[in-house]
Amino acid sequence: MASKKNDAQSHTQCVGPDYQSEKQKPTATVSTEVPYDNVHILPQTPQLISLLTMIRDKNTQRADFIFYSNRIIRLLVEEGLNHLPVVEHSVSTPVGRTYAGVMFQGKICGVSIMRAGEAMEQGLRDCCRSVRIGKILIQRDEETSKPKLFYDKLPEDIAERWVLLLDPMFATGGSATMAVDVLKSRGVPEDRILFLNLIASPEGIHNFAKRFPRLRVVTAFIDEGLDEKNYIVPGLGDFGDRFYTL
């Protein structure tokens, strides 16, 4: 969990294995910290920082961008699943012993915010076999500059499921906020929604966490902020374009 501070703060720190001294470790920019219990930032490990470095690089080719993005997405999905409730479940092993374990409680589904969110669907399928996936299309209205719902297709029993909402980039939070409102209108309790994303802005996180205090956010990195065009900086550009077309 990110440590608690009054203000968001981007900073650098030494990154490397614990057995190395601070002098042996390189310095890298790590995620901004935010003071919200419902926001979970992935541990800023050397692996994660190196993966993020690759997808941020403007010179990274599309095939490599896809490969390294998929690795981060897998980390996000794995961490998201850790936030789902479990119940006790004992099994018998092949040597005749009993193992006291756990199993997930309830059903899940994924919902991607089109189109960039669709890039995260395979990572969810890799972790959850035969998982159902819904889609929501939200685009900015050219006249009002506000998000507008164009399309949604969700499982009929979504109100009975835990929902992993998927969108890699989280800037102002307008699309994600509308997507959550759509899910809630279909009967999904706020505390049964987990929002997974790769890179977020402090502004979007602040607004989102306050509006939906019972919803959990799992992100790989909170960046410095937004520029005058509401692009995340330093960011990585348009995720959908780099993943699908460039």
Protein backbone atom coordinates (compact mmCIF):
# COMPACT_ATOMS: atom_id res chain seq x y z
CA MET A 1 0.00 0.00 0.00
CA ALA A 2 1.22 3.45 -0.82
CA SER A 3 2.32 5.37 2.24
CA LYS A 4 0.12 8.21 3.45
CA LYS A 5 1.04 11.83 2.68
CA ASN A 6 -0.96 15.01 2.47
CA ASP A 7 0.12 15.75 -1.08
CA ALA A 8 1.09 13.63 -4.06
CA GLN A 9 4.82 13.50 -4.49
CA SER A 10 6.86 12.08 -7.35
CA HIS A 11 10.36 11.02 -6.37
CA THR A 12 13.35 8.89 -7.24
CA GLN A 13 14.83 6.10 -5.23
CA CYS A 14 17.46 3.41 -5.51
CA VAL A 15 16.12 0.32 -7.24
CA GLY A 16 17.67 -3.13 -7.01
CA PRO A 17 17.86 -6.38 -5.04
CA ASP A 18 18.04 -6.17 -1.24
CA TYR A 19 21.49 -7.79 -1.07
CA GLN A 20 23.03 -4.80 -2.88
CA SER A 21 24.02 -1.68 -1.01
CA GLU A 22 22.41 1.64 -1.85
CA LYS A 23 25.62 2.72 -3.60
CA GLN A 24 25.38 -0.28 -5.95
CA LYS A 25 21.79 0.36 -6.98
CA PRO A 26 20.76 2.66 -9.86
CA THR A 27 18.36 5.52 -9.21
CA ALA A 28 14.98 5.55 -10.95
CA THR A 29 11.74 7.50 -10.79
CA VAL A 30 9.12 5.58 -8.83
CA SER A 31 5.40 6.05 -8.50
CA THR A 32 3.81 9.08 -6.91
CA GLU A 33 2.29 8.23 -3.54
CA VAL A 34 -1.31 9.08 -2.69
CA PRO A 35 -3.18 9.09 0.65
CA TYR A 36 -6.03 6.68 -0.16
CA ASP A 37 -6.59 3.26 1.38
CA ASN A 38 -8.58 2.13 -1.67
CA VAL A 39 -5.69 2.78 -4.07
CA HIS A 40 -3.05 0.05 -4.32
CA ILE A 41 0.19 0.71 -6.24
CA LEU A 42 2.22 -2.28 -7.35
CA PRO A 43 5.54 -2.64 -5.50
CA GLN A 44 8.14 -0.56 -7.35
CA THR A 45 10.44 -3.49 -8.05
CA PRO A 46 13.34 -3.54 -10.52
CA GLN A 47 11.27 -5.80 -12.79
CA LEU A 48 8.30 -3.43 -12.89
CA ILE A 49 10.42 -0.31 -13.39
CA SER A 50 12.35 -1.96 -16.23
CA LEU A 51 9.11 -3.02 -17.94
CA LEU A 52 7.67 0.48 -17.60
CA THR A 53 10.90 1.94 -18.96
CA MET A 54 10.51 -0.18 -22.10
CA ILE A 55 6.93 0.83 -22.84
CA ARG A 56 7.61 4.51 -22.09
CA ASP A 57 10.47 4.65 -24.60
CA LYS A 58 9.26 6.30 -27.82
CA ASN A 59 11.76 4.17 -29.77
CA THR A 60 10.32 0.85 -28.59
CA GLN A 61 8.85 -1.02 -31.55
CA ARG A 62 5.24 -2.21 -31.52
CA ALA A 63 6.06 -5.92 -31.01
CA ASP A 64 8.19 -5.11 -27.96
CA PHE A 65 5.61 -2.63 -26.68
CA ILE A 66 2.96 -5.35 -26.78
CA PHE A 67 5.22 -7.92 -25.13
CA TYR A 68 6.27 -5.72 -22.21
CA SER A 69 2.79 -4.25 -21.77
CA ASN A 70 1.38 -7.76 -21.52
CA ARG A 71 3.86 -8.58 -18.77
CA ILE A 72 2.75 -5.56 -16.73
CA ILE A 73 -0.90 -6.39 -17.37
CA ARG A 74 -0.30 -9.90 -16.03
CA LEU A 75 1.20 -8.42 -12.84
CA LEU A 76 -1.84 -6.16 -12.46
CA VAL A 77 -4.31 -9.00 -12.92
CA GLU A 78 -2.45 -11.21 -10.46
CA GLU A 79 -2.48 -8.43 -7.87
CA GLY A 80 -6.13 -7.63 -8.57
CA LEU A 81 -7.08 -11.25 -7.86
CA ASN A 82 -5.35 -10.95 -4.48
CA HIS A 83 -8.01 -8.40 -3.49
CA LEU A 84 -10.92 -10.81 -4.03
CA PRO A 85 -12.36 -12.59 -0.98
CA VAL A 86 -11.63 -16.27 -0.40
CA VAL A 87 -13.13 -19.03 1.73
CA GLU A 88 -11.54 -22.04 3.40
CA HIS A 89 -11.19 -25.06 1.14
CA SER A 90 -9.41 -28.27 2.12
CA VAL A 91 -8.26 -30.84 -0.44
CA SER A 92 -6.75 -34.32 -0.35
CA THR A 93 -3.31 -34.67 -1.91
CA PRO A 94 -2.12 -37.69 -3.97
CA VAL A 95 -0.18 -38.98 -0.91
CA GLY A 96 -3.33 -39.17 1.20
CA ARG A 97 -2.82 -36.02 3.25
CA THR A 98 -5.14 -33.08 3.71
CA TYR A 99 -4.09 -29.59 2.71
CA ALA A 100 -5.96 -26.66 4.28
CA GLY A 101 -6.25 -24.10 1.48
CA VAL A 102 -8.63 -21.49 0.16
CA MET A 103 -10.71 -20.84 -2.93
CA PHE A 104 -12.23 -17.73 -4.44
CA GLN A 105 -15.67 -16.75 -3.20
CA GLY A 106 -18.17 -15.88 -5.91
CA LYS A 107 -17.96 -15.35 -9.66
CA ILE A 108 -15.93 -12.74 -11.52
CA CYS A 109 -15.98 -11.04 -14.89
CA GLY A 110 -13.89 -8.49 -16.74
CA VAL A 111 -15.20 -5.28 -18.31
CA SER A 112 -12.93 -3.43 -20.72
CA ILE A 113 -13.28 0.23 -21.62
CA MET A 114 -12.88 0.16 -25.40
CA ARG A 115 -10.56 0.27 -27.19
CA ALA A 116 -7.37 0.42 -25.14
CA GLY A 117 -8.92 -1.61 -22.33
CA GLU A 118 -9.35 -4.54 -24.70
CA ALA A 119 -5.56 -4.96 -24.66
CA MET A 120 -5.90 -6.15 -21.03
CA GLU A 121 -8.44 -8.87 -21.74
CA GLN A 122 -5.93 -11.58 -22.65
CA GLY A 123 -4.03 -11.07 -19.42
CA LEU A 124 -7.25 -11.69 -17.51
CA ARG A 125 -8.03 -14.78 -19.61
CA ASP A 126 -4.53 -16.12 -18.95
CA CYS A 127 -5.24 -16.03 -15.22
CA CYS A 128 -8.95 -16.90 -15.18
CA ARG A 129 -9.99 -19.62 -17.58
CA SER A 130 -13.27 -19.04 -19.48
CA VAL A 131 -13.85 -15.72 -17.72
CA ARG A 132 -16.72 -13.66 -19.08
CA ILE A 133 -15.81 -10.24 -20.45
CA GLY A 134 -18.09 -7.27 -21.08
CA LYS A 135 -17.35 -4.10 -23.00
CA ILE A 136 -18.12 -0.42 -22.59
CA LEU A 137 -17.45 2.20 -25.29
CA ILE A 138 -17.13 5.76 -24.04
CA GLN A 139 -15.93 8.63 -26.22
CA ARG A 140 -15.62 12.36 -25.79
CA ASP A 141 -18.50 14.42 -27.13
CA GLU A 142 -16.94 16.94 -29.54
CA GLU A 143 -19.52 19.61 -28.63
CA THR A 144 -19.37 19.35 -24.85
CA SER A 145 -15.88 17.77 -24.47
CA LYS A 146 -17.43 15.45 -21.88
CA PRO A 147 -17.45 11.62 -21.99
CA LYS A 148 -20.49 10.06 -23.66
CA LEU A 149 -21.63 6.46 -23.49
CA PHE A 150 -21.93 4.95 -26.97
CA TYR A 151 -22.19 1.21 -26.31
CA ASP A 152 -22.17 -1.39 -23.57
CA LYS A 153 -22.49 -5.17 -23.59
CA LEU A 154 -22.33 -6.80 -20.18
CA PRO A 155 -23.07 -10.26 -18.75
CA GLU A 156 -26.73 -10.57 -17.77
CA ASP A 157 -25.80 -11.64 -14.25
CA ILE A 158 -23.13 -8.99 -13.74
CA ALA A 159 -24.82 -7.74 -10.56
CA GLU A 160 -23.91 -11.10 -8.96
CA ARG A 161 -20.23 -10.96 -9.98
CA TRP A 162 -17.01 -9.29 -8.90
CA VAL A 163 -16.01 -6.96 -11.73
CA LEU A 164 -12.46 -6.23 -12.87
CA LEU A 165 -12.70 -2.97 -14.83
CA LEU A 166 -9.88 -2.70 -17.37
CA ASP A 167 -8.32 0.46 -18.84
CA PRO A 168 -4.54 0.99 -19.19
CA MET A 169 -4.42 4.80 -19.02
CA PHE A 170 -6.20 6.84 -16.34
CA ALA A 171 -5.91 10.59 -17.01
CA THR A 172 -8.82 12.80 -15.92
CA GLY A 173 -10.90 9.80 -14.93
CA GLY A 174 -13.95 10.83 -16.96
CA SER A 175 -14.32 7.57 -18.88
CA ALA A 176 -13.64 5.36 -15.86
CA THR A 177 -16.13 7.33 -13.76
CA MET A 178 -18.83 6.90 -16.38
CA ALA A 179 -18.00 3.20 -16.69
CA VAL A 180 -18.42 2.74 -12.93
CA ASP A 181 -21.73 4.60 -13.07
CA VAL A 182 -22.86 2.18 -15.81
CA LEU A 183 -21.86 -0.83 -13.70
CA LYS A 184 -23.64 0.56 -10.64
CA SER A 185 -26.77 1.21 -12.71
CA ARG A 186 -26.74 -2.51 -13.59
CA GLY A 187 -26.76 -3.42 -9.93
CA VAL A 188 -23.03 -3.99 -9.31
CA PRO A 189 -22.15 -2.87 -5.75
CA GLU A 190 -19.32 -0.36 -5.64
CA ASP A 191 -17.25 -2.55 -3.34
CA ARG A 192 -17.37 -5.40 -5.88
CA ILE A 193 -15.54 -3.38 -8.54
CA LEU A 194 -11.75 -3.41 -8.96
CA PHE A 195 -10.26 -0.95 -11.45
CA LEU A 196 -7.00 -2.14 -13.00
CA ASN A 197 -4.76 0.23 -14.95
CA LEU A 198 -1.11 0.66 -15.93
CA ILE A 199 -0.47 4.39 -15.54
CA ALA A 200 -2.61 6.97 -13.74
CA SER A 201 -2.47 10.69 -13.03
CA PRO A 202 -2.66 12.04 -9.46
CA GLU A 203 -5.59 14.26 -10.50
CA GLY A 204 -7.61 11.34 -11.81
CA ILE A 205 -6.81 9.19 -8.80
CA HIS A 206 -7.79 11.92 -6.33
CA ASN A 207 -11.18 12.52 -7.96
CA PHE A 208 -11.90 8.83 -8.45
CA ALA A 209 -10.89 7.66 -4.97
CA LYS A 210 -13.01 10.34 -3.31
CA ARG A 211 -16.07 9.67 -5.50
CA PHE A 212 -15.89 5.88 -5.10
CA PRO A 213 -14.37 5.25 -1.66
CA ARG A 214 -15.46 1.59 -1.57
CA LEU A 215 -14.04 0.73 -4.99
CA ARG A 216 -10.44 -0.54 -5.14
CA VAL A 217 -7.91 0.75 -7.68
CA VAL A 218 -4.87 -1.35 -8.59
CA THR A 219 -2.32 0.56 -10.67
CA ALA A 220 1.27 -0.02 -11.71
CA PHE A 221 2.30 3.64 -11.54
CA ILE A 222 0.95 7.10 -10.70
CA ASP A 223 2.72 9.65 -12.88
CA GLU A 224 3.65 13.29 -12.27
CA GLY A 225 0.42 14.80 -13.55
CA LEU A 226 -1.44 16.11 -16.60
CA ASP A 227 -0.30 18.69 -19.15
CA GLU A 228 -2.43 21.44 -20.69
CA LYS A 229 -3.99 18.90 -23.07
CA ASN A 230 -4.81 16.51 -20.21
CA TYR A 231 -2.17 14.03 -21.37
CA ILE A 232 -0.43 12.03 -18.65
CA VAL A 233 3.20 13.12 -18.22
CA PRO A 234 5.76 11.73 -18.62
CA GLY A 235 3.33 9.01 -19.74
CA LEU A 236 3.86 6.80 -22.76
CA GLY A 237 1.73 8.39 -25.47
CA ASP A 238 -1.50 6.88 -26.79
CA PHE A 239 -1.57 3.31 -25.47
CA GLY A 240 -4.21 2.10 -27.93
CA ASP A 241 -2.33 3.43 -30.95
CA ARG A 242 0.99 1.96 -29.82
CA PHE A 243 -0.57 -1.42 -28.98
CA TYR A 244 -2.79 -1.84 -32.03
CA THR A 245 -1.49 0.27 -34.92
CA LEU A 246 1.89 1.99 -34.57
